[in-house]
């Protein structure tokens, strides 16, 4: 009996370590290979820099903002969608200015890891981006996705006008009815998006050997690809 208890404890410890290692929060940082998204005035006037980042550089493009667990995963998913020019990792939905990764991970800033999606509405619609959102996550998981748990990993869809809000709420209600249980995603008006540190940008592409990327992010991306082949860019199949 004693041996069984010891073995069970060892297995539980191994699983706990595995979850800890394979989580977005505990992946190593690397500033050497990341795309750094900053502007010249960011150091002296962060709010001005952020204001610049709210508007797409190309006036034919539109923006959308989503939070759905680890932003590395969500960024990679949206960048595989045709019509999406860029997805940027950052923070949104909180109450503090200039949040950092370390601060947001405490859960005390109110921010969730989010992505800014810059897309061509003539190729992919906001409605389709919402389909991508719900179709690439566990819509019933509260305060997290997969092994990433906490308010900083909660699901939020941000709307910028009443038309977007109506699309989101209709799709959320339809999905809840289909599943027979509540959908966890919050629906909130967009207020501010803070770009994450440079080493977070394009993290999945830059670190394919990372255990979290191999065991969590890539499988999540592949599940999405299998579900929505008609929405993928030609080079994403």
C-alpha atoms as a PDB file:
ATOM      1  CA  UNK A   1       0.000   0.000   0.000  1.00  0.00           C
ATOM      2  CA  UNK A   2       2.820   2.368   0.930  1.00  0.00           C
ATOM      3  CA  UNK A   3       4.551   1.723  -2.408  1.00  0.00           C
ATOM      4  CA  UNK A   4       1.354   2.582  -4.304  1.00  0.00           C
ATOM      5  CA  UNK A   5       1.057   5.871  -2.446  1.00  0.00           C
ATOM      6  CA  UNK A   6       4.688   6.740  -3.240  1.00  0.00           C
ATOM      7  CA  UNK A   7       4.242   5.884  -6.932  1.00  0.00           C
ATOM      8  CA  UNK A   8       1.036   7.913  -7.123  1.00  0.00           C
ATOM      9  CA  UNK A   9       2.768  10.886  -5.547  1.00  0.00           C
ATOM     10  CA  UNK A  10       5.660  10.620  -8.015  1.00  0.00           C
ATOM     11  CA  UNK A  11       3.261  10.484 -10.977  1.00  0.00           C
ATOM     12  CA  UNK A  12       1.335  13.491  -9.688  1.00  0.00           C
ATOM     13  CA  UNK A  13       4.575  15.404  -9.230  1.00  0.00           C
ATOM     14  CA  UNK A  14       5.727  14.543 -12.750  1.00  0.00           C
ATOM     15  CA  UNK A  15       2.418  15.695 -14.235  1.00  0.00           C
ATOM     16  CA  UNK A  16       2.563  18.938 -12.271  1.00  0.00           C
ATOM     17  CA  UNK A  17       6.095  19.624 -13.501  1.00  0.00           C
ATOM     18  CA  UNK A  18       5.052  18.803 -17.053  1.00  0.00           C
ATOM     19  CA  UNK A  19       2.161  21.288 -16.907  1.00  0.00           C
ATOM     20  CA  UNK A  20       4.441  23.900 -15.373  1.00  0.00           C
ATOM     21  CA  UNK A  21       7.090  23.424 -18.057  1.00  0.00           C
ATOM     22  CA  UNK A  22       4.599  23.320 -20.901  1.00  0.00           C
ATOM     23  CA  UNK A  23       2.871  26.599 -20.143  1.00  0.00           C
ATOM     24  CA  UNK A  24       3.045  29.981 -21.805  1.00  0.00           C
ATOM     25  CA  UNK A  25       4.053  31.638 -18.529  1.00  0.00           C
ATOM     26  CA  UNK A  26       7.203  29.569 -18.059  1.00  0.00           C
ATOM     27  CA  UNK A  27       8.672  29.542 -21.560  1.00  0.00           C
ATOM     28  CA  UNK A  28      12.115  31.153 -21.872  1.00  0.00           C
ATOM     29  CA  UNK A  29      12.527  34.682 -23.133  1.00  0.00           C
ATOM     30  CA  UNK A  30      14.706  35.451 -26.121  1.00  0.00           C
ATOM     31  CA  UNK A  31      15.304  39.013 -27.225  1.00  0.00           C
ATOM     32  CA  UNK A  32      17.838  38.114 -29.902  1.00  0.00           C
ATOM     33  CA  UNK A  33      15.542  36.708 -32.591  1.00  0.00           C
ATOM     34  CA  UNK A  34      12.287  38.550 -31.967  1.00  0.00           C
ATOM     35  CA  UNK A  35      10.757  41.256 -34.087  1.00  0.00           C
ATOM     36  CA  UNK A  36      10.791  44.352 -31.890  1.00  0.00           C
ATOM     37  CA  UNK A  37       7.655  46.455 -32.296  1.00  0.00           C
ATOM     38  CA  UNK A  38       8.477  49.877 -30.887  1.00  0.00           C
ATOM     39  CA  UNK A  39       8.390  53.443 -32.116  1.00  0.00           C
ATOM     40  CA  UNK A  40      10.868  56.260 -31.665  1.00  0.00           C
ATOM     41  CA  UNK A  41       8.758  58.061 -29.089  1.00  0.00           C
ATOM     42  CA  UNK A  42       7.675  54.998 -27.116  1.00  0.00           C
ATOM     43  CA  UNK A  43      10.280  55.452 -24.397  1.00  0.00           C
ATOM     44  CA  UNK A  44       9.316  59.067 -23.723  1.00  0.00           C
ATOM     45  CA  UNK A  45       5.621  58.963 -24.583  1.00  0.00           C
ATOM     46  CA  UNK A  46       4.193  55.416 -24.424  1.00  0.00           C
ATOM     47  CA  UNK A  47       0.600  56.563 -24.830  1.00  0.00           C
ATOM     48  CA  UNK A  48       1.392  58.418 -28.047  1.00  0.00           C
ATOM     49  CA  UNK A  49       3.117  55.324 -29.383  1.00  0.00           C
ATOM     50  CA  UNK A  50       0.109  53.208 -28.493  1.00  0.00           C
ATOM     51  CA  UNK A  51      -2.248  55.644 -30.187  1.00  0.00           C
ATOM     52  CA  UNK A  52      -0.246  55.241 -33.394  1.00  0.00           C
ATOM     53  CA  UNK A  53      -0.590  51.492 -33.143  1.00  0.00           C
ATOM     54  CA  UNK A  54      -4.393  51.568 -33.032  1.00  0.00           C
ATOM     55  CA  UNK A  55      -4.638  52.445 -36.745  1.00  0.00           C
ATOM     56  CA  UNK A  56      -3.462  50.098 -39.525  1.00  0.00           C
ATOM     57  CA  UNK A  57      -0.696  51.485 -41.676  1.00  0.00           C
ATOM     58  CA  UNK A  58      -2.679  50.561 -44.800  1.00  0.00           C
ATOM     59  CA  UNK A  59      -5.984  52.439 -44.869  1.00  0.00           C
ATOM     60  CA  UNK A  60      -7.648  49.529 -46.678  1.00  0.00           C
ATOM     61  CA  UNK A  61      -7.023  47.353 -43.645  1.00  0.00           C
ATOM     62  CA  UNK A  62      -9.166  46.947 -40.535  1.00  0.00           C
ATOM     63  CA  UNK A  63      -8.313  45.807 -37.013  1.00  0.00           C
ATOM     64  CA  UNK A  64      -9.867  43.344 -34.588  1.00  0.00           C
ATOM     65  CA  UNK A  65      -8.844  42.387 -31.054  1.00  0.00           C
ATOM     66  CA  UNK A  66      -9.130  38.969 -29.416  1.00  0.00           C
ATOM     67  CA  UNK A  67      -7.958  37.275 -26.203  1.00  0.00           C
ATOM     68  CA  UNK A  68      -7.958  33.479 -26.027  1.00  0.00           C
ATOM     69  CA  UNK A  69      -5.263  32.045 -23.790  1.00  0.00           C
ATOM     70  CA  UNK A  70      -1.577  32.355 -24.628  1.00  0.00           C
ATOM     71  CA  UNK A  71      -1.042  35.068 -27.231  1.00  0.00           C
ATOM     72  CA  UNK A  72       1.690  33.037 -28.945  1.00  0.00           C
ATOM     73  CA  UNK A  73      -0.960  30.484 -29.942  1.00  0.00           C
ATOM     74  CA  UNK A  74      -3.575  33.020 -30.987  1.00  0.00           C
ATOM     75  CA  UNK A  75      -1.093  35.073 -33.014  1.00  0.00           C
ATOM     76  CA  UNK A  76      -0.027  31.999 -34.997  1.00  0.00           C
ATOM     77  CA  UNK A  77      -3.625  30.983 -35.653  1.00  0.00           C
ATOM     78  CA  UNK A  78      -4.688  34.338 -37.055  1.00  0.00           C
ATOM     79  CA  UNK A  79      -1.534  34.727 -39.121  1.00  0.00           C
ATOM     80  CA  UNK A  80      -2.471  31.510 -40.934  1.00  0.00           C
ATOM     81  CA  UNK A  81      -5.808  33.013 -42.053  1.00  0.00           C
ATOM     82  CA  UNK A  82      -6.084  34.426 -45.565  1.00  0.00           C
ATOM     83  CA  UNK A  83      -6.710  38.146 -45.579  1.00  0.00           C
ATOM     84  CA  UNK A  84      -4.820  38.662 -42.318  1.00  0.00           C
ATOM     85  CA  UNK A  85      -1.793  40.872 -42.877  1.00  0.00           C
ATOM     86  CA  UNK A  86      -0.392  40.714 -39.347  1.00  0.00           C
ATOM     87  CA  UNK A  87      -1.247  39.622 -35.824  1.00  0.00           C
ATOM     88  CA  UNK A  88       0.475  41.392 -32.939  1.00  0.00           C
ATOM     89  CA  UNK A  89       0.753  40.057 -29.394  1.00  0.00           C
ATOM     90  CA  UNK A  90      -0.123  42.377 -26.539  1.00  0.00           C
ATOM     91  CA  UNK A  91      -2.347  43.125 -23.567  1.00  0.00           C
ATOM     92  CA  UNK A  92      -5.922  44.430 -23.365  1.00  0.00           C
ATOM     93  CA  UNK A  93      -8.921  44.578 -21.076  1.00  0.00           C
ATOM     94  CA  UNK A  94      -7.123  45.815 -17.984  1.00  0.00           C
ATOM     95  CA  UNK A  95      -6.934  48.930 -15.860  1.00  0.00           C
ATOM     96  CA  UNK A  96      -3.212  49.794 -15.740  1.00  0.00           C
ATOM     97  CA  UNK A  97      -1.010  51.679 -18.183  1.00  0.00           C
ATOM     98  CA  UNK A  98       2.043  50.208 -19.918  1.00  0.00           C
ATOM     99  CA  UNK A  99       1.609  46.667 -18.548  1.00  0.00           C
ATOM    100  CA  UNK A 100       4.552  44.281 -18.742  1.00  0.00           C
ATOM    101  CA  UNK A 101       4.507  40.512 -19.165  1.00  0.00           C
ATOM    102  CA  UNK A 102       5.585  39.998 -15.561  1.00  0.00           C
ATOM    103  CA  UNK A 103       2.915  42.381 -14.260  1.00  0.00           C
ATOM    104  CA  UNK A 104       0.104  40.904 -16.328  1.00  0.00           C
ATOM    105  CA  UNK A 105       1.032  37.402 -15.145  1.00  0.00           C
ATOM    106  CA  UNK A 106       0.160  38.375 -11.576  1.00  0.00           C
ATOM    107  CA  UNK A 107      -3.462  38.856 -12.635  1.00  0.00           C
ATOM    108  CA  UNK A 108      -3.568  42.162 -10.788  1.00  0.00           C
ATOM    109  CA  UNK A 109      -3.436  44.482 -13.829  1.00  0.00           C
ATOM    110  CA  UNK A 110      -6.731  43.156 -15.195  1.00  0.00           C
ATOM    111  CA  UNK A 111      -5.200  42.636 -18.624  1.00  0.00           C
ATOM    112  CA  UNK A 112      -5.526  39.518 -20.716  1.00  0.00           C
ATOM    113  CA  UNK A 113      -2.985  38.349 -23.256  1.00  0.00           C
ATOM    114  CA  UNK A 114      -4.517  39.512 -26.535  1.00  0.00           C
ATOM    115  CA  UNK A 115      -3.771  39.892 -30.214  1.00  0.00           C
ATOM    116  CA  UNK A 116      -4.361  42.768 -32.588  1.00  0.00           C
ATOM    117  CA  UNK A 117      -5.392  41.356 -35.971  1.00  0.00           C
ATOM    118  CA  UNK A 118      -4.779  43.570 -39.003  1.00  0.00           C
ATOM    119  CA  UNK A 119      -6.865  42.250 -41.885  1.00  0.00           C
ATOM    120  CA  UNK A 120      -8.299  43.030 -45.295  1.00  0.00           C
ATOM    121  CA  UNK A 121     -12.116  43.086 -44.948  1.00  0.00           C
ATOM    122  CA  UNK A 122     -12.458  42.460 -48.672  1.00  0.00           C
ATOM    123  CA  UNK A 123     -10.803  39.048 -48.199  1.00  0.00           C
ATOM    124  CA  UNK A 124     -11.912  37.980 -44.717  1.00  0.00           C
ATOM    125  CA  UNK A 125     -14.810  39.429 -42.746  1.00  0.00           C
ATOM    126  CA  UNK A 126     -15.034  40.263 -39.062  1.00  0.00           C
ATOM    127  CA  UNK A 127     -17.714  37.583 -38.826  1.00  0.00           C
ATOM    128  CA  UNK A 128     -15.262  34.988 -40.145  1.00  0.00           C
ATOM    129  CA  UNK A 129     -12.603  36.156 -37.690  1.00  0.00           C
ATOM    130  CA  UNK A 130     -15.084  35.522 -34.887  1.00  0.00           C
ATOM    131  CA  UNK A 131     -15.662  32.023 -36.298  1.00  0.00           C
ATOM    132  CA  UNK A 132     -11.899  31.514 -36.197  1.00  0.00           C
ATOM    133  CA  UNK A 133     -11.896  32.718 -32.598  1.00  0.00           C
ATOM    134  CA  UNK A 134     -14.536  30.318 -31.310  1.00  0.00           C
ATOM    135  CA  UNK A 135     -13.337  27.475 -33.527  1.00  0.00           C
ATOM    136  CA  UNK A 136      -9.750  27.567 -32.273  1.00  0.00           C
ATOM    137  CA  UNK A 137     -10.320  27.273 -28.519  1.00  0.00           C
ATOM    138  CA  UNK A 138     -12.238  25.457 -25.825  1.00  0.00           C
ATOM    139  CA  UNK A 139     -15.137  27.928 -25.625  1.00  0.00           C
ATOM    140  CA  UNK A 140     -16.319  26.644 -22.244  1.00  0.00           C
ATOM    141  CA  UNK A 141     -13.025  26.940 -20.344  1.00  0.00           C
ATOM    142  CA  UNK A 142     -13.133  29.775 -17.823  1.00  0.00           C
ATOM    143  CA  UNK A 143     -10.033  31.885 -17.105  1.00  0.00           C
ATOM    144  CA  UNK A 144      -7.687  30.028 -19.397  1.00  0.00           C
ATOM    145  CA  UNK A 145      -7.003  27.763 -22.345  1.00  0.00           C
ATOM    146  CA  UNK A 146      -5.423  24.346 -21.944  1.00  0.00           C
ATOM    147  CA  UNK A 147      -2.586  24.416 -19.397  1.00  0.00           C
ATOM    148  CA  UNK A 148      -2.587  28.227 -19.222  1.00  0.00           C
ATOM    149  CA  UNK A 149      -4.859  29.213 -16.358  1.00  0.00           C
ATOM    150  CA  UNK A 150      -5.557  32.556 -14.722  1.00  0.00           C
ATOM    151  CA  UNK A 151      -7.433  35.755 -15.492  1.00  0.00           C
ATOM    152  CA  UNK A 152      -4.584  36.893 -17.771  1.00  0.00           C
ATOM    153  CA  UNK A 153      -5.499  33.965 -20.056  1.00  0.00           C
ATOM    154  CA  UNK A 154      -9.254  34.505 -20.047  1.00  0.00           C
ATOM    155  CA  UNK A 155     -11.211  34.704 -23.290  1.00  0.00           C
ATOM    156  CA  UNK A 156     -12.425  38.136 -24.427  1.00  0.00           C
ATOM    157  CA  UNK A 157     -13.721  39.439 -27.749  1.00  0.00           C
ATOM    158  CA  UNK A 158     -13.440  43.188 -28.070  1.00  0.00           C
ATOM    159  CA  UNK A 159     -15.916  45.078 -30.241  1.00  0.00           C
ATOM    160  CA  UNK A 160     -15.353  48.517 -31.766  1.00  0.00           C
ATOM    161  CA  UNK A 161     -18.905  49.294 -32.870  1.00  0.00           C
ATOM    162  CA  UNK A 162     -22.467  48.047 -32.454  1.00  0.00           C
ATOM    163  CA  UNK A 163     -22.346  45.975 -35.635  1.00  0.00           C
ATOM    164  CA  UNK A 164     -19.374  43.979 -34.310  1.00  0.00           C
ATOM    165  CA  UNK A 165     -21.055  43.589 -30.926  1.00  0.00           C
ATOM    166  CA  UNK A 166     -24.175  42.161 -32.568  1.00  0.00           C
ATOM    167  CA  UNK A 167     -22.136  39.668 -34.607  1.00  0.00           C
ATOM    168  CA  UNK A 168     -20.255  38.494 -31.515  1.00  0.00           C
ATOM    169  CA  UNK A 169     -23.321  38.125 -29.322  1.00  0.00           C
ATOM    170  CA  UNK A 170     -25.297  36.255 -31.982  1.00  0.00           C
ATOM    171  CA  UNK A 171     -22.468  33.794 -32.588  1.00  0.00           C
ATOM    172  CA  UNK A 172     -21.839  33.355 -28.857  1.00  0.00           C
ATOM    173  CA  UNK A 173     -25.532  32.645 -28.197  1.00  0.00           C
ATOM    174  CA  UNK A 174     -25.736  30.175 -31.099  1.00  0.00           C
ATOM    175  CA  UNK A 175     -22.639  28.346 -29.880  1.00  0.00           C
ATOM    176  CA  UNK A 176     -23.953  28.161 -26.303  1.00  0.00           C
ATOM    177  CA  UNK A 177     -27.200  26.665 -27.605  1.00  0.00           C
ATOM    178  CA  UNK A 178     -25.279  24.164 -29.724  1.00  0.00           C
ATOM    179  CA  UNK A 179     -23.046  23.113 -26.816  1.00  0.00           C
ATOM    180  CA  UNK A 180     -25.782  23.137 -24.218  1.00  0.00           C
ATOM    181  CA  UNK A 181     -23.593  25.066 -21.774  1.00  0.00           C
ATOM    182  CA  UNK A 182     -22.337  28.613 -21.266  1.00  0.00           C
ATOM    183  CA  UNK A 183     -19.609  30.071 -23.466  1.00  0.00           C
ATOM    184  CA  UNK A 184     -16.894  31.619 -21.319  1.00  0.00           C
ATOM    185  CA  UNK A 185     -15.768  34.460 -23.599  1.00  0.00           C
ATOM    186  CA  UNK A 186     -16.388  37.966 -22.312  1.00  0.00           C
ATOM    187  CA  UNK A 187     -17.722  40.558 -24.755  1.00  0.00           C
ATOM    188  CA  UNK A 188     -16.201  43.959 -24.036  1.00  0.00           C
ATOM    189  CA  UNK A 189     -15.869  47.320 -25.800  1.00  0.00           C
ATOM    190  CA  UNK A 190     -12.367  47.920 -27.087  1.00  0.00           C
ATOM    191  CA  UNK A 191     -10.460  50.576 -25.140  1.00  0.00           C
ATOM    192  CA  UNK A 192      -6.709  50.102 -25.382  1.00  0.00           C
ATOM    193  CA  UNK A 193      -4.170  47.661 -26.764  1.00  0.00           C
ATOM    194  CA  UNK A 194      -0.666  47.581 -25.364  1.00  0.00           C
ATOM    195  CA  UNK A 195       1.916  45.903 -27.600  1.00  0.00           C
ATOM    196  CA  UNK A 196       3.831  43.150 -25.807  1.00  0.00           C
ATOM    197  CA  UNK A 197       7.585  42.991 -25.465  1.00  0.00           C
ATOM    198  CA  UNK A 198       9.535  42.268 -28.649  1.00  0.00           C
ATOM    199  CA  UNK A 199      10.495  38.720 -27.728  1.00  0.00           C
ATOM    200  CA  UNK A 200       6.810  37.690 -27.734  1.00  0.00           C
ATOM    201  CA  UNK A 201       6.211  38.662 -31.357  1.00  0.00           C
ATOM    202  CA  UNK A 202       6.159  35.728 -33.820  1.00  0.00           C
ATOM    203  CA  UNK A 203       7.180  33.488 -30.928  1.00  0.00           C
ATOM    204  CA  UNK A 204       5.892  30.268 -32.455  1.00  0.00           C
ATOM    205  CA  UNK A 205       7.784  30.883 -35.711  1.00  0.00           C
ATOM    206  CA  UNK A 206      10.945  31.901 -33.880  1.00  0.00           C
ATOM    207  CA  UNK A 207      10.960  29.007 -31.392  1.00  0.00           C
ATOM    208  CA  UNK A 208       9.597  25.832 -33.020  1.00  0.00           C
ATOM    209  CA  UNK A 209      11.809  23.708 -30.738  1.00  0.00           C
ATOM    210  CA  UNK A 210      10.306  25.114 -27.532  1.00  0.00           C
ATOM    211  CA  UNK A 211       8.468  22.384 -25.529  1.00  0.00           C
ATOM    212  CA  UNK A 212       5.399  24.560 -25.028  1.00  0.00           C
ATOM    213  CA  UNK A 213       5.255  25.371 -28.741  1.00  0.00           C
ATOM    214  CA  UNK A 214       5.636  21.694 -29.676  1.00  0.00           C
ATOM    215  CA  UNK A 215       3.186  20.307 -27.112  1.00  0.00           C
ATOM    216  CA  UNK A 216       0.531  23.041 -26.894  1.00  0.00           C
ATOM    217  CA  UNK A 217       0.787  25.749 -29.535  1.00  0.00           C
ATOM    218  CA  UNK A 218       1.432  23.707 -32.691  1.00  0.00           C
ATOM    219  CA  UNK A 219      -1.231  21.066 -31.871  1.00  0.00           C
ATOM    220  CA  UNK A 220      -3.741  23.871 -31.247  1.00  0.00           C
ATOM    221  CA  UNK A 221      -2.828  25.477 -34.584  1.00  0.00           C
ATOM    222  CA  UNK A 222      -3.104  22.151 -36.408  1.00  0.00           C
ATOM    223  CA  UNK A 223      -6.538  21.466 -34.907  1.00  0.00           C
ATOM    224  CA  UNK A 224      -7.681  24.834 -36.205  1.00  0.00           C
ATOM    225  CA  UNK A 225      -6.237  24.173 -39.666  1.00  0.00           C
ATOM    226  CA  UNK A 226      -8.032  20.845 -39.895  1.00  0.00           C
ATOM    227  CA  UNK A 227     -11.309  22.519 -38.932  1.00  0.00           C
ATOM    228  CA  UNK A 228     -11.107  25.540 -41.270  1.00  0.00           C
ATOM    229  CA  UNK A 229      -9.103  24.563 -44.388  1.00  0.00           C
ATOM    230  CA  UNK A 230     -11.114  27.003 -46.526  1.00  0.00           C
ATOM    231  CA  UNK A 231      -9.853  29.976 -44.477  1.00  0.00           C
ATOM    232  CA  UNK A 232      -6.143  29.182 -44.687  1.00  0.00           C
ATOM    233  CA  UNK A 233      -3.508  31.020 -46.670  1.00  0.00           C
ATOM    234  CA  UNK A 234      -2.018  28.964 -49.489  1.00  0.00           C
ATOM    235  CA  UNK A 235       1.269  28.488 -47.632  1.00  0.00           C
ATOM    236  CA  UNK A 236      -0.444  27.527 -44.367  1.00  0.00           C
ATOM    237  CA  UNK A 237      -1.815  24.133 -45.402  1.00  0.00           C
END
